[in-house]
Amino acid sequence: MSRILFWLLLIGLVVMAVRAKLKGLGARRQPPLDRQPPQQQRRETSVPAIETMTQCAHCGIHFPASEAIHADGHDYCSPGHVRLPPQ
């Protein structure tokens, strides 16, 4: 009786190992749907150009110089701060 149980357990383990191996091979063949080709990944992960920062004359917040509002020789972060005195 114990020999039969031994062989049944051994056969069951072999079947489970083969199924796991086949499942792993099948998953490797199919690329994930959300994965992009390597060329597109490189373009997205490239470092953007560094932009100079400036400081608002009223509140002191730092922001990109391209978004600055220039008035009276000062840089401001918003049109509302242009009306307020620089600090």
C-alpha atoms as a PDB file:
ATOM      1  CA  MET A   1       0.000   0.000   0.000  1.00  0.00           C
ATOM      2  CA  SER A   2       2.769   2.457   0.851  1.00  0.00           C
ATOM      3  CA  ARG A   3       4.461   1.781  -2.508  1.00  0.00           C
ATOM      4  CA  ILE A   4       1.297   2.759  -4.354  1.00  0.00           C
ATOM      5  CA  LEU A   5       1.024   6.002  -2.378  1.00  0.00           C
ATOM      6  CA  PHE A   6       4.694   6.728  -3.043  1.00  0.00           C
ATOM      7  CA  TRP A   7       4.288   6.275  -6.805  1.00  0.00           C
ATOM      8  CA  LEU A   8       1.078   8.318  -6.891  1.00  0.00           C
ATOM      9  CA  LEU A   9       2.753  11.189  -5.034  1.00  0.00           C
ATOM     10  CA  LEU A  10       5.802  10.990  -7.296  1.00  0.00           C
ATOM     11  CA  ILE A  11       3.662  11.053 -10.444  1.00  0.00           C
ATOM     12  CA  GLY A  12       1.643  13.961  -9.047  1.00  0.00           C
ATOM     13  CA  LEU A  13       4.803  15.965  -8.317  1.00  0.00           C
ATOM     14  CA  VAL A  14       6.181  15.306 -11.788  1.00  0.00           C
ATOM     15  CA  VAL A  15       2.901  16.392 -13.407  1.00  0.00           C
ATOM     16  CA  MET A  16       2.830  19.591 -11.312  1.00  0.00           C
ATOM     17  CA  ALA A  17       6.459  20.387 -12.178  1.00  0.00           C
ATOM     18  CA  VAL A  18       5.839  19.895 -15.918  1.00  0.00           C
ATOM     19  CA  ARG A  19       2.719  22.099 -15.817  1.00  0.00           C
ATOM     20  CA  ALA A  20       4.576  24.853 -13.964  1.00  0.00           C
ATOM     21  CA  LYS A  21       7.427  24.724 -16.474  1.00  0.00           C
ATOM     22  CA  LEU A  22       5.046  24.921 -19.454  1.00  0.00           C
ATOM     23  CA  LYS A  23       3.147  27.795 -17.835  1.00  0.00           C
ATOM     24  CA  GLY A  24       6.406  29.710 -17.330  1.00  0.00           C
ATOM     25  CA  LEU A  25       7.439  29.208 -20.964  1.00  0.00           C
ATOM     26  CA  GLY A  26       4.060  30.398 -22.226  1.00  0.00           C
ATOM     27  CA  ALA A  27       4.228  33.580 -20.129  1.00  0.00           C
ATOM     28  CA  ARG A  28       7.695  34.389 -21.461  1.00  0.00           C
ATOM     29  CA  ARG A  29       6.597  34.162 -25.098  1.00  0.00           C
ATOM     30  CA  GLN A  30       3.805  36.728 -24.814  1.00  0.00           C
ATOM     31  CA  PRO A  31       5.059  40.267 -24.165  1.00  0.00           C
ATOM     32  CA  PRO A  32       2.930  42.320 -21.763  1.00  0.00           C
ATOM     33  CA  LEU A  33       0.372  44.551 -23.472  1.00  0.00           C
ATOM     34  CA  ASP A  34       1.491  47.720 -21.682  1.00  0.00           C
ATOM     35  CA  ARG A  35       5.131  47.274 -22.651  1.00  0.00           C
ATOM     36  CA  GLN A  36       6.388  49.547 -25.415  1.00  0.00           C
ATOM     37  CA  PRO A  37       9.149  48.871 -27.924  1.00  0.00           C
ATOM     38  CA  PRO A  38      12.630  49.824 -26.651  1.00  0.00           C
ATOM     39  CA  GLN A  39      12.948  52.801 -29.034  1.00  0.00           C
ATOM     40  CA  GLN A  40       9.830  54.497 -27.667  1.00  0.00           C
ATOM     41  CA  GLN A  41      10.913  53.844 -24.074  1.00  0.00           C
ATOM     42  CA  ARG A  42      14.236  55.592 -24.669  1.00  0.00           C
ATOM     43  CA  ARG A  43      12.519  58.668 -26.075  1.00  0.00           C
ATOM     44  CA  GLU A  44      10.204  59.001 -23.077  1.00  0.00           C
ATOM     45  CA  THR A  45      12.942  58.489 -20.494  1.00  0.00           C
ATOM     46  CA  SER A  46      15.325  61.001 -22.041  1.00  0.00           C
ATOM     47  CA  VAL A  47      16.173  63.939 -19.820  1.00  0.00           C
ATOM     48  CA  PRO A  48      14.294  67.100 -20.817  1.00  0.00           C
ATOM     49  CA  ALA A  49      16.200  70.298 -21.438  1.00  0.00           C
ATOM     50  CA  ILE A  50      16.995  72.193 -18.254  1.00  0.00           C
ATOM     51  CA  GLU A  51      15.161  75.476 -18.011  1.00  0.00           C
ATOM     52  CA  THR A  52      16.354  78.473 -16.033  1.00  0.00           C
ATOM     53  CA  MET A  53      14.353  79.352 -12.943  1.00  0.00           C
ATOM     54  CA  THR A  54      13.421  82.769 -11.645  1.00  0.00           C
ATOM     55  CA  GLN A  55      11.922  84.062  -8.419  1.00  0.00           C
ATOM     56  CA  CYS A  56       8.733  86.065  -7.988  1.00  0.00           C
ATOM     57  CA  ALA A  57       9.501  89.558  -6.709  1.00  0.00           C
ATOM     58  CA  HIS A  58       6.428  89.519  -4.454  1.00  0.00           C
ATOM     59  CA  CYS A  59       6.030  86.034  -2.952  1.00  0.00           C
ATOM     60  CA  GLY A  60       9.516  84.578  -3.568  1.00  0.00           C
ATOM     61  CA  ILE A  61       8.351  81.383  -5.232  1.00  0.00           C
ATOM     62  CA  HIS A  62      10.700  79.881  -7.834  1.00  0.00           C
ATOM     63  CA  PHE A  63       9.249  78.989 -11.250  1.00  0.00           C
ATOM     64  CA  PRO A  64      10.439  78.560 -14.877  1.00  0.00           C
ATOM     65  CA  ALA A  65      11.602  81.773 -16.512  1.00  0.00           C
ATOM     66  CA  SER A  66       9.432  81.035 -19.557  1.00  0.00           C
ATOM     67  CA  GLU A  67       6.312  81.474 -17.385  1.00  0.00           C
ATOM     68  CA  ALA A  68       7.447  84.763 -15.830  1.00  0.00           C
ATOM     69  CA  ILE A  69       5.564  88.021 -16.185  1.00  0.00           C
ATOM     70  CA  HIS A  70       8.042  90.883 -16.545  1.00  0.00           C
ATOM     71  CA  ALA A  71       7.108  94.304 -15.185  1.00  0.00           C
ATOM     72  CA  ASP A  72       9.188  97.235 -13.918  1.00  0.00           C
ATOM     73  CA  GLY A  73      12.395  95.205 -14.159  1.00  0.00           C
ATOM     74  CA  HIS A  74      11.056  92.410 -11.919  1.00  0.00           C
ATOM     75  CA  ASP A  75       9.758  88.901 -12.567  1.00  0.00           C
ATOM     76  CA  TYR A  76       6.354  87.889 -11.209  1.00  0.00           C
ATOM     77  CA  CYS A  77       4.586  84.520 -11.066  1.00  0.00           C
ATOM     78  CA  SER A  78       1.083  85.827 -11.792  1.00  0.00           C
ATOM     79  CA  PRO A  79      -0.684  88.946 -13.025  1.00  0.00           C
ATOM     80  CA  GLY A  80      -2.108  89.460  -9.534  1.00  0.00           C
ATOM     81  CA  HIS A  81       1.365  89.846  -8.052  1.00  0.00           C
ATOM     82  CA  VAL A  82       2.323  92.509 -10.614  1.00  0.00           C
ATOM     83  CA  ARG A  83      -0.095  94.911  -8.884  1.00  0.00           C
ATOM     84  CA  LEU A  84       1.413  94.164  -5.451  1.00  0.00           C
ATOM     85  CA  PRO A  85       4.698  95.706  -4.255  1.00  0.00           C
ATOM     86  CA  PRO A  86       7.906  93.666  -4.458  1.00  0.00           C
ATOM     87  CA  GLN A  87       9.267  92.431  -1.130  1.00  0.00           C
END
